[in-house]
Amino acid sequence: MGTGTGAGTGIHAGRTASRWVGGSFFAGILMLVAGATEILQGVVAIRSDNILNGVSGYAYAFNLDAWGWIHVGLGILVAVVGLGILAGSRIARYTGIGLAMVNLVAQFMFLFYQPVWAVVGMALSAFIIWALTTDRVTSPQTR
């Protein structure tokens, strides 16, 4: 006794999902945010501001300029791959998983220099990995 449209009638079965929904879109946006925060971390390290904690005896101690350039370069890569994910590139999706893993390790190694930023960066990387690995990818023919 329905109206003939809506749930159960099959009228909505022909619709296809937009690429702007789901984990890939979420991961692309997070990669843009993570890339921006990476670049900001790098700039702060390059400037050798007093914002960063003075660390002595840390096993992963590097020159702050070196850390800064690592973070700037990684941030640019992460942001560019995030744009590729938003564009729907499958290669960018797999590259994003790898870069998020590298970013997670880099943030862990930066933990004693700036704990809050590093934890936020690690969380962003973990969410990116989760979003990219759990989102179902549809073939281009079904879009």
C-alpha atoms as a PDB file:
ATOM      1  CA  MET A   1       0.000   0.000   0.000  1.00  0.00           C
ATOM      2  CA  GLY A   2       2.759   2.370  -0.864  1.00  0.00           C
ATOM      3  CA  THR A   3       2.863   5.189  -3.297  1.00  0.00           C
ATOM      4  CA  GLY A   4       4.980   3.304  -5.799  1.00  0.00           C
ATOM      5  CA  THR A   5       8.190   5.267  -5.186  1.00  0.00           C
ATOM      6  CA  GLY A   6      10.862   5.171  -2.560  1.00  0.00           C
ATOM      7  CA  ALA A   7      12.332   2.321  -0.539  1.00  0.00           C
ATOM      8  CA  GLY A   8      11.467  -1.171  -1.631  1.00  0.00           C
ATOM      9  CA  THR A   9      10.350  -0.295  -5.151  1.00  0.00           C
ATOM     10  CA  GLY A  10      13.764  -0.403  -6.790  1.00  0.00           C
ATOM     11  CA  ILE A  11      13.468   3.108  -8.184  1.00  0.00           C
ATOM     12  CA  HIS A  12      16.673   4.172  -6.465  1.00  0.00           C
ATOM     13  CA  ALA A  13      18.673   1.110  -7.582  1.00  0.00           C
ATOM     14  CA  GLY A  14      20.072   2.822 -10.676  1.00  0.00           C
ATOM     15  CA  ARG A  15      21.835   5.586  -8.772  1.00  0.00           C
ATOM     16  CA  THR A  16      25.597   5.608  -8.461  1.00  0.00           C
ATOM     17  CA  ALA A  17      27.545   7.005  -5.577  1.00  0.00           C
ATOM     18  CA  SER A  18      29.408  10.234  -6.040  1.00  0.00           C
ATOM     19  CA  ARG A  19      33.167  10.204  -5.602  1.00  0.00           C
ATOM     20  CA  TRP A  20      32.730  13.100  -3.186  1.00  0.00           C
ATOM     21  CA  VAL A  21      31.453  10.880  -0.407  1.00  0.00           C
ATOM     22  CA  GLY A  22      33.231   8.304   1.693  1.00  0.00           C
ATOM     23  CA  GLY A  23      36.683   7.717   3.011  1.00  0.00           C
ATOM     24  CA  SER A  24      38.651   8.919   0.008  1.00  0.00           C
ATOM     25  CA  PHE A  25      37.176  12.417   0.196  1.00  0.00           C
ATOM     26  CA  PHE A  26      37.783  12.454   3.961  1.00  0.00           C
ATOM     27  CA  ALA A  27      41.382  11.282   3.454  1.00  0.00           C
ATOM     28  CA  GLY A  28      42.017  13.870   0.730  1.00  0.00           C
ATOM     29  CA  ILE A  29      40.891  16.707   2.966  1.00  0.00           C
ATOM     30  CA  LEU A  30      42.893  15.315   5.894  1.00  0.00           C
ATOM     31  CA  MET A  31      45.969  15.093   3.689  1.00  0.00           C
ATOM     32  CA  LEU A  32      45.618  18.759   2.783  1.00  0.00           C
ATOM     33  CA  VAL A  33      45.358  19.619   6.491  1.00  0.00           C
ATOM     34  CA  ALA A  34      48.254  17.316   7.418  1.00  0.00           C
ATOM     35  CA  GLY A  35      50.380  18.791   4.631  1.00  0.00           C
ATOM     36  CA  ALA A  36      49.682  22.319   5.837  1.00  0.00           C
ATOM     37  CA  THR A  37      50.572  21.458   9.440  1.00  0.00           C
ATOM     38  CA  GLU A  38      53.742  19.696   8.247  1.00  0.00           C
ATOM     39  CA  ILE A  39      54.803  22.801   6.361  1.00  0.00           C
ATOM     40  CA  LEU A  40      54.116  24.970   9.416  1.00  0.00           C
ATOM     41  CA  GLN A  41      56.135  22.614  11.623  1.00  0.00           C
ATOM     42  CA  GLY A  42      58.983  22.762   9.162  1.00  0.00           C
ATOM     43  CA  VAL A  43      58.998  26.546   8.983  1.00  0.00           C
ATOM     44  CA  VAL A  44      59.095  26.789  12.778  1.00  0.00           C
ATOM     45  CA  ALA A  45      62.010  24.341  12.911  1.00  0.00           C
ATOM     46  CA  ILE A  46      63.916  26.135  10.134  1.00  0.00           C
ATOM     47  CA  ARG A  47      63.533  29.469  11.915  1.00  0.00           C
ATOM     48  CA  SER A  48      64.915  27.764  15.048  1.00  0.00           C
ATOM     49  CA  ASP A  49      62.323  29.474  17.184  1.00  0.00           C
ATOM     50  CA  ASN A  50      62.235  28.995  20.928  1.00  0.00           C
ATOM     51  CA  ILE A  51      58.823  27.400  20.444  1.00  0.00           C
ATOM     52  CA  LEU A  52      60.480  24.014  20.017  1.00  0.00           C
ATOM     53  CA  ASN A  53      61.593  22.181  23.113  1.00  0.00           C
ATOM     54  CA  GLY A  54      65.303  21.911  23.730  1.00  0.00           C
ATOM     55  CA  VAL A  55      66.104  18.224  23.611  1.00  0.00           C
ATOM     56  CA  SER A  56      69.281  16.588  24.835  1.00  0.00           C
ATOM     57  CA  GLY A  57      70.094  12.913  24.819  1.00  0.00           C
ATOM     58  CA  TYR A  58      67.303  12.055  22.371  1.00  0.00           C
ATOM     59  CA  ALA A  59      68.155   9.054  20.173  1.00  0.00           C
ATOM     60  CA  TYR A  60      66.694  10.714  17.051  1.00  0.00           C
ATOM     61  CA  ALA A  61      68.278  14.120  17.536  1.00  0.00           C
ATOM     62  CA  PHE A  62      68.876  15.970  14.259  1.00  0.00           C
ATOM     63  CA  ASN A  63      69.760  19.494  13.438  1.00  0.00           C
ATOM     64  CA  LEU A  64      66.542  21.549  13.596  1.00  0.00           C
ATOM     65  CA  ASP A  65      67.183  22.935  10.118  1.00  0.00           C
ATOM     66  CA  ALA A  66      67.325  19.382   8.765  1.00  0.00           C
ATOM     67  CA  TRP A  67      64.087  18.488  10.575  1.00  0.00           C
ATOM     68  CA  GLY A  68      62.496  21.625   9.215  1.00  0.00           C
ATOM     69  CA  TRP A  69      63.351  20.867   5.604  1.00  0.00           C
ATOM     70  CA  ILE A  70      62.235  17.244   6.015  1.00  0.00           C
ATOM     71  CA  HIS A  71      58.873  18.440   7.307  1.00  0.00           C
ATOM     72  CA  VAL A  72      58.462  21.093   4.606  1.00  0.00           C
ATOM     73  CA  GLY A  73      59.233  18.594   1.847  1.00  0.00           C
ATOM     74  CA  LEU A  74      57.004  15.926   3.351  1.00  0.00           C
ATOM     75  CA  GLY A  75      54.216  18.468   3.842  1.00  0.00           C
ATOM     76  CA  ILE A  76      54.321  19.517   0.197  1.00  0.00           C
ATOM     77  CA  LEU A  77      54.231  15.868  -0.937  1.00  0.00           C
ATOM     78  CA  VAL A  78      51.333  15.050   1.388  1.00  0.00           C
ATOM     79  CA  ALA A  79      49.307  18.051   0.202  1.00  0.00           C
ATOM     80  CA  VAL A  80      49.925  17.296  -3.493  1.00  0.00           C
ATOM     81  CA  VAL A  81      48.913  13.653  -3.032  1.00  0.00           C
ATOM     82  CA  GLY A  82      45.825  14.860  -1.131  1.00  0.00           C
ATOM     83  CA  LEU A  83      44.853  16.880  -4.196  1.00  0.00           C
ATOM     84  CA  GLY A  84      45.414  13.782  -6.328  1.00  0.00           C
ATOM     85  CA  ILE A  85      43.109  11.772  -4.074  1.00  0.00           C
ATOM     86  CA  LEU A  86      40.441  14.454  -4.377  1.00  0.00           C
ATOM     87  CA  ALA A  87      40.845  14.238  -8.154  1.00  0.00           C
ATOM     88  CA  GLY A  88      40.121  10.498  -7.947  1.00  0.00           C
ATOM     89  CA  SER A  89      43.550   9.102  -8.830  1.00  0.00           C
ATOM     90  CA  ARG A  90      44.060   5.489  -7.762  1.00  0.00           C
ATOM     91  CA  ILE A  91      47.860   5.951  -7.788  1.00  0.00           C
ATOM     92  CA  ALA A  92      47.480   8.909  -5.412  1.00  0.00           C
ATOM     93  CA  ARG A  93      45.393   6.700  -3.121  1.00  0.00           C
ATOM     94  CA  TYR A  94      48.173   4.114  -2.762  1.00  0.00           C
ATOM     95  CA  THR A  95      50.843   6.797  -2.559  1.00  0.00           C
ATOM     96  CA  GLY A  96      48.760   8.477   0.160  1.00  0.00           C
ATOM     97  CA  ILE A  97      48.802   5.333   2.279  1.00  0.00           C
ATOM     98  CA  GLY A  98      52.593   5.149   1.983  1.00  0.00           C
ATOM     99  CA  LEU A  99      53.104   8.855   2.685  1.00  0.00           C
ATOM    100  CA  ALA A 100      50.789   8.703   5.685  1.00  0.00           C
ATOM    101  CA  MET A 101      52.906   5.874   7.099  1.00  0.00           C
ATOM    102  CA  VAL A 102      56.100   7.875   6.522  1.00  0.00           C
ATOM    103  CA  ASN A 103      54.454  10.939   8.086  1.00  0.00           C
ATOM    104  CA  LEU A 104      53.404   8.916  11.132  1.00  0.00           C
ATOM    105  CA  VAL A 105      57.009   7.801  11.678  1.00  0.00           C
ATOM    106  CA  ALA A 106      58.343  11.333  11.113  1.00  0.00           C
ATOM    107  CA  GLN A 107      55.858  12.717  13.653  1.00  0.00           C
ATOM    108  CA  PHE A 108      56.883  10.041  16.153  1.00  0.00           C
ATOM    109  CA  MET A 109      60.524  11.024  15.736  1.00  0.00           C
ATOM    110  CA  PHE A 110      59.564  14.708  16.192  1.00  0.00           C
ATOM    111  CA  LEU A 111      57.591  13.892  19.367  1.00  0.00           C
ATOM    112  CA  PHE A 112      60.105  15.245  21.881  1.00  0.00           C
ATOM    113  CA  TYR A 113      60.590  18.505  20.014  1.00  0.00           C
ATOM    114  CA  GLN A 114      56.907  19.457  19.891  1.00  0.00           C
ATOM    115  CA  PRO A 115      54.671  16.873  21.600  1.00  0.00           C
ATOM    116  CA  VAL A 116      51.243  18.393  20.882  1.00  0.00           C
ATOM    117  CA  TRP A 117      51.840  18.999  17.174  1.00  0.00           C
ATOM    118  CA  ALA A 118      53.422  15.562  16.817  1.00  0.00           C
ATOM    119  CA  VAL A 119      50.471  13.789  18.442  1.00  0.00           C
ATOM    120  CA  VAL A 120      48.025  15.718  16.242  1.00  0.00           C
ATOM    121  CA  GLY A 121      50.098  14.813  13.180  1.00  0.00           C
ATOM    122  CA  MET A 122      50.190  11.151  14.209  1.00  0.00           C
ATOM    123  CA  ALA A 123      46.420  11.134  14.675  1.00  0.00           C
ATOM    124  CA  LEU A 124      45.869  12.748  11.268  1.00  0.00           C
ATOM    125  CA  SER A 125      48.127  10.155   9.653  1.00  0.00           C
ATOM    126  CA  ALA A 126      46.312   7.304  11.383  1.00  0.00           C
ATOM    127  CA  PHE A 127      42.932   8.621  10.205  1.00  0.00           C
ATOM    128  CA  ILE A 128      44.282   8.999   6.652  1.00  0.00           C
ATOM    129  CA  ILE A 129      45.507   5.396   6.623  1.00  0.00           C
ATOM    130  CA  TRP A 130      42.184   4.197   8.012  1.00  0.00           C
ATOM    131  CA  ALA A 131      40.134   6.204   5.530  1.00  0.00           C
ATOM    132  CA  LEU A 132      42.152   5.132   2.497  1.00  0.00           C
ATOM    133  CA  THR A 133      42.247   1.453   3.415  1.00  0.00           C
ATOM    134  CA  THR A 134      38.589   1.049   4.357  1.00  0.00           C
ATOM    135  CA  ASP A 135      36.893   3.027   1.584  1.00  0.00           C
ATOM    136  CA  ARG A 136      35.472   0.884  -1.191  1.00  0.00           C
ATOM    137  CA  VAL A 137      36.824   1.944  -4.529  1.00  0.00           C
ATOM    138  CA  THR A 138      34.502   1.739  -7.479  1.00  0.00           C
ATOM    139  CA  SER A 139      35.772   1.295 -10.980  1.00  0.00           C
ATOM    140  CA  PRO A 140      35.575   4.313 -13.306  1.00  0.00           C
ATOM    141  CA  GLN A 141      32.922   2.538 -15.400  1.00  0.00           C
ATOM    142  CA  THR A 142      30.441   2.522 -12.508  1.00  0.00           C
ATOM    143  CA  ARG A 143      30.756   6.221 -11.761  1.00  0.00           C
END
